[in-house]
Every structure is written in structure tokens, then in C-alpha cells.
All heavy atoms as atom14 arrays in JSON, in Angstrom:
{
  "sequence": "IIKTAGYGKVDFAAPICVSTCASTQRTSSWSEA",
  "atom14_mask": [
    [1, 1, 1, 1, 1, 1, 1, 1, 0, 0, 0, 0, 0, 0],
    [1, 1, 1, 1, 1, 1, 1, 1, 0, 0, 0, 0, 0, 0],
    [1, 1, 1, 1, 1, 1, 1, 1, 1, 0, 0, 0, 0, 0],
    [1, 1, 1, 1, 1, 1, 1, 0, 0, 0, 0, 0, 0, 0],
    [1, 1, 1, 1, 1, 0, 0, 0, 0, 0, 0, 0, 0, 0],
    [1, 1, 1, 1, 0, 0, 0, 0, 0, 0, 0, 0, 0, 0],
    [1, 1, 1, 1, 1, 1, 1, 1, 1, 1, 1, 1, 0, 0],
    [1, 1, 1, 1, 0, 0, 0, 0, 0, 0, 0, 0, 0, 0],
    [1, 1, 1, 1, 1, 1, 1, 1, 1, 0, 0, 0, 0, 0],
    [1, 1, 1, 1, 1, 1, 1, 0, 0, 0, 0, 0, 0, 0],
    [1, 1, 1, 1, 1, 1, 1, 1, 0, 0, 0, 0, 0, 0],
    [1, 1, 1, 1, 1, 1, 1, 1, 1, 1, 1, 0, 0, 0],
    [1, 1, 1, 1, 1, 0, 0, 0, 0, 0, 0, 0, 0, 0],
    [1, 1, 1, 1, 1, 0, 0, 0, 0, 0, 0, 0, 0, 0],
    [1, 1, 1, 1, 1, 1, 1, 0, 0, 0, 0, 0, 0, 0],
    [1, 1, 1, 1, 1, 1, 1, 1, 0, 0, 0, 0, 0, 0],
    [1, 1, 1, 1, 1, 1, 0, 0, 0, 0, 0, 0, 0, 0],
    [1, 1, 1, 1, 1, 1, 1, 0, 0, 0, 0, 0, 0, 0],
    [1, 1, 1, 1, 1, 1, 0, 0, 0, 0, 0, 0, 0, 0],
    [1, 1, 1, 1, 1, 1, 1, 0, 0, 0, 0, 0, 0, 0],
    [1, 1, 1, 1, 1, 1, 0, 0, 0, 0, 0, 0, 0, 0],
    [1, 1, 1, 1, 1, 0, 0, 0, 0, 0, 0, 0, 0, 0],
    [1, 1, 1, 1, 1, 1, 0, 0, 0, 0, 0, 0, 0, 0],
    [1, 1, 1, 1, 1, 1, 1, 0, 0, 0, 0, 0, 0, 0],
    [1, 1, 1, 1, 1, 1, 1, 1, 1, 0, 0, 0, 0, 0],
    [1, 1, 1, 1, 1, 1, 1, 1, 1, 1, 1, 0, 0, 0],
    [1, 1, 1, 1, 1, 1, 1, 0, 0, 0, 0, 0, 0, 0],
    [1, 1, 1, 1, 1, 1, 0, 0, 0, 0, 0, 0, 0, 0],
    [1, 1, 1, 1, 1, 1, 0, 0, 0, 0, 0, 0, 0, 0],
    [1, 1, 1, 1, 1, 1, 1, 1, 1, 1, 1, 1, 1, 1],
    [1, 1, 1, 1, 1, 1, 0, 0, 0, 0, 0, 0, 0, 0],
    [1, 1, 1, 1, 1, 1, 1, 1, 1, 0, 0, 0, 0, 0],
    [1, 1, 1, 1, 1, 0, 0, 0, 0, 0, 0, 0, 0, 0]
  ],
  "atom14_positions": [
    [[107.33, 93.34, 91.45], [108.3, 93.05, 92.51], [109.72, 93.13, 91.98], [110.63, 93.6, 92.66], [108.07, 91.64, 93.1], [106.62, 91.5, 93.57], [109.03, 91.36, 94.24], [106.25, 92.43, 94.68], [0.0, 0.0, 0.0], [0.0, 0.0, 0.0], [0.0, 0.0, 0.0], [0.0, 0.0, 0.0], [0.0, 0.0, 0.0], [0.0, 0.0, 0.0]],
    [[109.93, 92.67, 90.74], [111.25, 92.74, 90.13], [111.15, 93.5, 88.81], [110.05, 93.81, 88.34], [111.84, 91.33, 89.88], [110.98, 90.56, 88.86], [111.97, 90.56, 91.19], [111.56, 89.22, 88.44], [0.0, 0.0, 0.0], [0.0, 0.0, 0.0], [0.0, 0.0, 0.0], [0.0, 0.0, 0.0], [0.0, 0.0, 0.0], [0.0, 0.0, 0.0]],
    [[112.29, 93.79, 88.23], [112.34, 94.49, 86.95], [113.46, 93.88, 86.12], [114.36, 93.2, 86.64], [112.62, 95.98, 87.15], [113.99, 96.26, 87.79], [114.22, 97.74, 88.01], [115.58, 97.98, 88.68], [115.81, 99.42, 88.93], [0.0, 0.0, 0.0], [0.0, 0.0, 0.0], [0.0, 0.0, 0.0], [0.0, 0.0, 0.0], [0.0, 0.0, 0.0]],
    [[113.4, 94.08, 84.81], [114.48, 93.62, 83.96], [115.68, 94.54, 84.15], [115.53, 95.75, 84.37], [114.06, 93.63, 82.48], [113.63, 94.95, 82.12], [112.92, 92.65, 82.23], [0.0, 0.0, 0.0], [0.0, 0.0, 0.0], [0.0, 0.0, 0.0], [0.0, 0.0, 0.0], [0.0, 0.0, 0.0], [0.0, 0.0, 0.0], [0.0, 0.0, 0.0]],
    [[116.86, 93.98, 84.07], [118.09, 94.76, 84.31], [119.13, 94.41, 83.24], [120.3, 94.25, 83.53], [118.63, 94.48, 85.7], [0.0, 0.0, 0.0], [0.0, 0.0, 0.0], [0.0, 0.0, 0.0], [0.0, 0.0, 0.0], [0.0, 0.0, 0.0], [0.0, 0.0, 0.0], [0.0, 0.0, 0.0], [0.0, 0.0, 0.0], [0.0, 0.0, 0.0]],
    [[118.67, 94.32, 82.0], [119.55, 93.92, 80.91], [119.17, 92.54, 80.41], [118.31, 91.86, 80.99], [0.0, 0.0, 0.0], [0.0, 0.0, 0.0], [0.0, 0.0, 0.0], [0.0, 0.0, 0.0], [0.0, 0.0, 0.0], [0.0, 0.0, 0.0], [0.0, 0.0, 0.0], [0.0, 0.0, 0.0], [0.0, 0.0, 0.0], [0.0, 0.0, 0.0]],
    [[119.78, 92.13, 79.32], [119.42, 90.86, 78.71], [119.7, 89.7, 79.67], [120.82, 89.53, 80.15], [120.21, 90.64, 77.42], [119.85, 89.36, 76.7], [118.65, 89.27, 75.98], [120.68, 88.25, 76.76], [118.31, 88.11, 75.33], [120.34, 87.07, 76.11], [119.15, 87.01, 75.4], [118.8, 85.85, 74.75], [0.0, 0.0, 0.0], [0.0, 0.0, 0.0]],
    [[118.66, 88.94, 79.95], [118.8, 87.77, 80.82], [119.04, 88.09, 82.27], [119.47, 87.22, 83.04], [0.0, 0.0, 0.0], [0.0, 0.0, 0.0], [0.0, 0.0, 0.0], [0.0, 0.0, 0.0], [0.0, 0.0, 0.0], [0.0, 0.0, 0.0], [0.0, 0.0, 0.0], [0.0, 0.0, 0.0], [0.0, 0.0, 0.0], [0.0, 0.0, 0.0]],
    [[118.75, 89.34, 82.69], [119.0, 89.74, 84.06], [117.74, 90.34, 84.68], [116.92, 90.95, 84.0], [120.13, 90.78, 84.14], [121.48, 90.28, 83.68], [122.51, 91.4, 83.8], [123.9, 90.95, 83.34], [124.89, 92.05, 83.45], [0.0, 0.0, 0.0], [0.0, 0.0, 0.0], [0.0, 0.0, 0.0], [0.0, 0.0, 0.0], [0.0, 0.0, 0.0]],
    [[117.61, 90.19, 86.0], [116.53, 90.83, 86.75], [117.09, 91.39, 88.05], [118.16, 91.01, 88.49], [115.39, 89.83, 87.07], [114.7, 89.37, 85.81], [115.91, 88.64, 87.87], [0.0, 0.0, 0.0], [0.0, 0.0, 0.0], [0.0, 0.0, 0.0], [0.0, 0.0, 0.0], [0.0, 0.0, 0.0], [0.0, 0.0, 0.0], [0.0, 0.0, 0.0]],
    [[116.34, 92.31, 88.63], [116.71, 92.88, 89.92], [115.43, 93.29, 90.62], [114.35, 93.34, 90.01], [117.63, 94.09, 89.73], [118.42, 94.44, 90.98], [118.24, 93.75, 92.0], [119.2, 95.4, 90.94], [0.0, 0.0, 0.0], [0.0, 0.0, 0.0], [0.0, 0.0, 0.0], [0.0, 0.0, 0.0], [0.0, 0.0, 0.0], [0.0, 0.0, 0.0]],
    [[115.53, 93.61, 91.89], [114.37, 94.1, 92.61], [113.92, 95.43, 92.02], [114.74, 96.29, 91.69], [114.68, 94.25, 94.1], [114.85, 92.94, 94.81], [116.11, 92.48, 95.15], [113.75, 92.16, 95.11], [116.28, 91.26, 95.78], [113.9, 90.93, 95.74], [115.17, 90.48, 96.08], [0.0, 0.0, 0.0], [0.0, 0.0, 0.0], [0.0, 0.0, 0.0]],
    [[112.61, 95.6, 91.89], [112.08, 96.81, 91.27], [112.32, 98.03, 92.13], [112.52, 99.13, 91.63], [110.59, 96.64, 91.0], [0.0, 0.0, 0.0], [0.0, 0.0, 0.0], [0.0, 0.0, 0.0], [0.0, 0.0, 0.0], [0.0, 0.0, 0.0], [0.0, 0.0, 0.0], [0.0, 0.0, 0.0], [0.0, 0.0, 0.0], [0.0, 0.0, 0.0]],
    [[112.27, 97.85, 93.45], [112.53, 98.96, 94.36], [113.94, 98.81, 94.92], [114.38, 97.69, 95.17], [111.52, 98.96, 95.5], [0.0, 0.0, 0.0], [0.0, 0.0, 0.0], [0.0, 0.0, 0.0], [0.0, 0.0, 0.0], [0.0, 0.0, 0.0], [0.0, 0.0, 0.0], [0.0, 0.0, 0.0], [0.0, 0.0, 0.0], [0.0, 0.0, 0.0]],
    [[114.64, 99.91, 95.09], [116.0, 99.82, 95.6], [116.07, 99.39, 97.05], [117.11, 99.03, 97.55], [116.53, 101.25, 95.45], [115.31, 102.1, 95.5], [114.24, 101.3, 94.84], [0.0, 0.0, 0.0], [0.0, 0.0, 0.0], [0.0, 0.0, 0.0], [0.0, 0.0, 0.0], [0.0, 0.0, 0.0], [0.0, 0.0, 0.0], [0.0, 0.0, 0.0]],
    [[114.93, 99.43, 97.73], [114.9, 99.05, 99.13], [113.77, 98.08, 99.35], [112.63, 98.36, 99.03], [114.69, 100.28, 100.04], [115.74, 101.31, 99.74], [114.69, 99.89, 101.49], [115.42, 102.65, 100.28], [0.0, 0.0, 0.0], [0.0, 0.0, 0.0], [0.0, 0.0, 0.0], [0.0, 0.0, 0.0], [0.0, 0.0, 0.0], [0.0, 0.0, 0.0]],
    [[114.06, 96.91, 99.87], [113.02, 95.94, 100.23], [113.26, 95.58, 101.69], [114.28, 95.01, 102.01], [113.12, 94.67, 99.39], [112.67, 94.89, 97.68], [0.0, 0.0, 0.0], [0.0, 0.0, 0.0], [0.0, 0.0, 0.0], [0.0, 0.0, 0.0], [0.0, 0.0, 0.0], [0.0, 0.0, 0.0], [0.0, 0.0, 0.0], [0.0, 0.0, 0.0]],
    [[112.33, 95.94, 102.53], [112.53, 95.72, 103.95], [111.39, 94.92, 104.53], [110.24, 95.17, 104.24], [112.63, 97.08, 104.7], [112.91, 96.86, 106.16], [113.7, 97.93, 104.08], [0.0, 0.0, 0.0], [0.0, 0.0, 0.0], [0.0, 0.0, 0.0], [0.0, 0.0, 0.0], [0.0, 0.0, 0.0], [0.0, 0.0, 0.0], [0.0, 0.0, 0.0]],
    [[111.75, 93.96, 105.39], [110.84, 93.29, 106.31], [109.55, 92.77, 105.7], [108.58, 93.48, 105.61], [110.53, 94.23, 107.46], [109.22, 94.53, 107.61], [0.0, 0.0, 0.0], [0.0, 0.0, 0.0], [0.0, 0.0, 0.0], [0.0, 0.0, 0.0], [0.0, 0.0, 0.0], [0.0, 0.0, 0.0], [0.0, 0.0, 0.0], [0.0, 0.0, 0.0]],
    [[109.56, 91.53, 105.3], [108.29, 90.89, 105.01], [107.98, 89.92, 106.13], [106.83, 89.58, 106.31], [108.33, 90.14, 103.68], [109.37, 89.21, 103.7], [108.49, 91.09, 102.55], [0.0, 0.0, 0.0], [0.0, 0.0, 0.0], [0.0, 0.0, 0.0], [0.0, 0.0, 0.0], [0.0, 0.0, 0.0], [0.0, 0.0, 0.0], [0.0, 0.0, 0.0]],
    [[108.91, 89.47, 106.86], [108.79, 88.69, 108.09], [107.76, 87.57, 108.03], [107.16, 87.28, 107.03], [108.53, 89.59, 109.28], [106.95, 90.38, 109.26], [0.0, 0.0, 0.0], [0.0, 0.0, 0.0], [0.0, 0.0, 0.0], [0.0, 0.0, 0.0], [0.0, 0.0, 0.0], [0.0, 0.0, 0.0], [0.0, 0.0, 0.0], [0.0, 0.0, 0.0]],
    [[107.62, 86.93, 109.19], [106.8, 85.72, 109.24], [105.33, 85.99, 109.0], [104.6, 85.1, 108.61], [106.99, 85.04, 110.6], [0.0, 0.0, 0.0], [0.0, 0.0, 0.0], [0.0, 0.0, 0.0], [0.0, 0.0, 0.0], [0.0, 0.0, 0.0], [0.0, 0.0, 0.0], [0.0, 0.0, 0.0], [0.0, 0.0, 0.0], [0.0, 0.0, 0.0]],
    [[104.88, 87.22, 109.24], [103.46, 87.51, 109.08], [103.01, 87.39, 107.64], [101.83, 87.22, 107.37], [103.15, 88.92, 109.58], [103.82, 89.88, 108.81], [0.0, 0.0, 0.0], [0.0, 0.0, 0.0], [0.0, 0.0, 0.0], [0.0, 0.0, 0.0], [0.0, 0.0, 0.0], [0.0, 0.0, 0.0], [0.0, 0.0, 0.0], [0.0, 0.0, 0.0]],
    [[103.94, 87.51, 106.69], [103.57, 87.38, 105.29], [103.93, 86.03, 104.73], [103.72, 85.76, 103.56], [104.29, 88.46, 104.44], [105.69, 88.23, 104.49], [103.96, 89.84, 104.93], [0.0, 0.0, 0.0], [0.0, 0.0, 0.0], [0.0, 0.0, 0.0], [0.0, 0.0, 0.0], [0.0, 0.0, 0.0], [0.0, 0.0, 0.0], [0.0, 0.0, 0.0]],
    [[104.51, 85.17, 105.56], [104.94, 83.86, 105.09], [103.74, 82.96, 104.84], [102.84, 82.85, 105.65], [105.85, 83.2, 106.13], [106.34, 81.82, 105.7], [107.36, 81.3, 106.68], [108.11, 82.07, 107.24], [107.38, 80.01, 106.88], [0.0, 0.0, 0.0], [0.0, 0.0, 0.0], [0.0, 0.0, 0.0], [0.0, 0.0, 0.0], [0.0, 0.0, 0.0]],
    [[103.73, 82.34, 103.68], [102.66, 81.42, 103.35], [103.13, 80.01, 103.65], [104.26, 79.66, 103.38], [102.29, 81.53, 101.87], [101.67, 82.86, 101.5], [101.56, 82.99, 100.0], [100.72, 81.94, 99.46], [99.55, 82.15, 98.87], [99.1, 83.36, 98.8], [98.86, 81.16, 98.37], [0.0, 0.0, 0.0], [0.0, 0.0, 0.0], [0.0, 0.0, 0.0]],
    [[102.26, 79.2, 104.17], [102.6, 77.81, 104.45], [101.65, 76.89, 103.7], [101.2, 75.88, 104.2], [102.52, 77.52, 105.95], [101.23, 77.87, 106.42], [103.58, 78.29, 106.71], [0.0, 0.0, 0.0], [0.0, 0.0, 0.0], [0.0, 0.0, 0.0], [0.0, 0.0, 0.0], [0.0, 0.0, 0.0], [0.0, 0.0, 0.0], [0.0, 0.0, 0.0]],
    [[101.35, 77.29, 102.49], [100.5, 76.47, 101.65], [101.3, 75.27, 101.15], [102.48, 75.13, 101.43], [99.99, 77.3, 100.46], [101.07, 77.84, 99.77], [0.0, 0.0, 0.0], [0.0, 0.0, 0.0], [0.0, 0.0, 0.0], [0.0, 0.0, 0.0], [0.0, 0.0, 0.0], [0.0, 0.0, 0.0], [0.0, 0.0, 0.0], [0.0, 0.0, 0.0]],
    [[100.63, 74.41, 100.4], [101.28, 73.16, 99.99], [102.59, 73.41, 99.28], [102.68, 74.26, 98.41], [100.33, 72.39, 99.07], [100.03, 73.14, 97.92], [0.0, 0.0, 0.0], [0.0, 0.0, 0.0], [0.0, 0.0, 0.0], [0.0, 0.0, 0.0], [0.0, 0.0, 0.0], [0.0, 0.0, 0.0], [0.0, 0.0, 0.0], [0.0, 0.0, 0.0]],
    [[103.56, 72.66, 99.68], [104.92, 72.82, 99.14], [105.53, 71.42, 99.12], [105.92, 70.89, 100.15], [105.72, 73.75, 100.03], [107.15, 73.89, 99.61], [108.2, 73.14, 100.01], [107.68, 74.85, 98.72], [109.35, 73.57, 99.42], [109.06, 74.62, 98.61], [107.11, 75.89, 97.97], [109.89, 75.38, 97.82], [107.94, 76.64, 97.18], [109.31, 76.39, 97.11]],
    [[105.6, 70.81, 97.99], [106.1, 69.44, 97.92], [107.6, 69.44, 97.72], [108.2, 70.42, 97.3], [105.43, 68.7, 96.76], [105.87, 69.23, 95.53], [0.0, 0.0, 0.0], [0.0, 0.0, 0.0], [0.0, 0.0, 0.0], [0.0, 0.0, 0.0], [0.0, 0.0, 0.0], [0.0, 0.0, 0.0], [0.0, 0.0, 0.0], [0.0, 0.0, 0.0]],
    [[108.2, 68.3, 98.03], [109.64, 68.18, 97.86], [110.04, 68.26, 96.39], [111.2, 68.47, 96.06], [110.11, 66.84, 98.44], [109.98, 66.77, 99.96], [110.83, 67.82, 100.63], [111.97, 68.05, 100.17], [110.35, 68.44, 101.6], [0.0, 0.0, 0.0], [0.0, 0.0, 0.0], [0.0, 0.0, 0.0], [0.0, 0.0, 0.0], [0.0, 0.0, 0.0]],
    [[109.04, 68.15, 95.5], [109.35, 68.25, 94.08], [109.55, 69.69, 93.65], [110.06, 69.96, 92.57], [108.21, 67.63, 93.26], [0.0, 0.0, 0.0], [0.0, 0.0, 0.0], [0.0, 0.0, 0.0], [0.0, 0.0, 0.0], [0.0, 0.0, 0.0], [0.0, 0.0, 0.0], [0.0, 0.0, 0.0], [0.0, 0.0, 0.0], [0.0, 0.0, 0.0]]
  ]
}
């Protein structure tokens, strides 16, 4: 999903990331911690 972009840096692996929308949203356990 991401790639290294120099020391201590990352970026998206693809130059274009479009639309993941609600259909891919996970609502699994997510604590305030």
C-alpha cells in the first residue's frame, strides 16, 4: 500500500489512490486507547 520514500519517509505506493468508500470500511473493535 505504501513505499519508502527516503530515510524516515513513506508515501503511497501507487500515484493514484481512488475511492475506498464505506463499502471497505471496517467497524471491528476500536477502543479509545
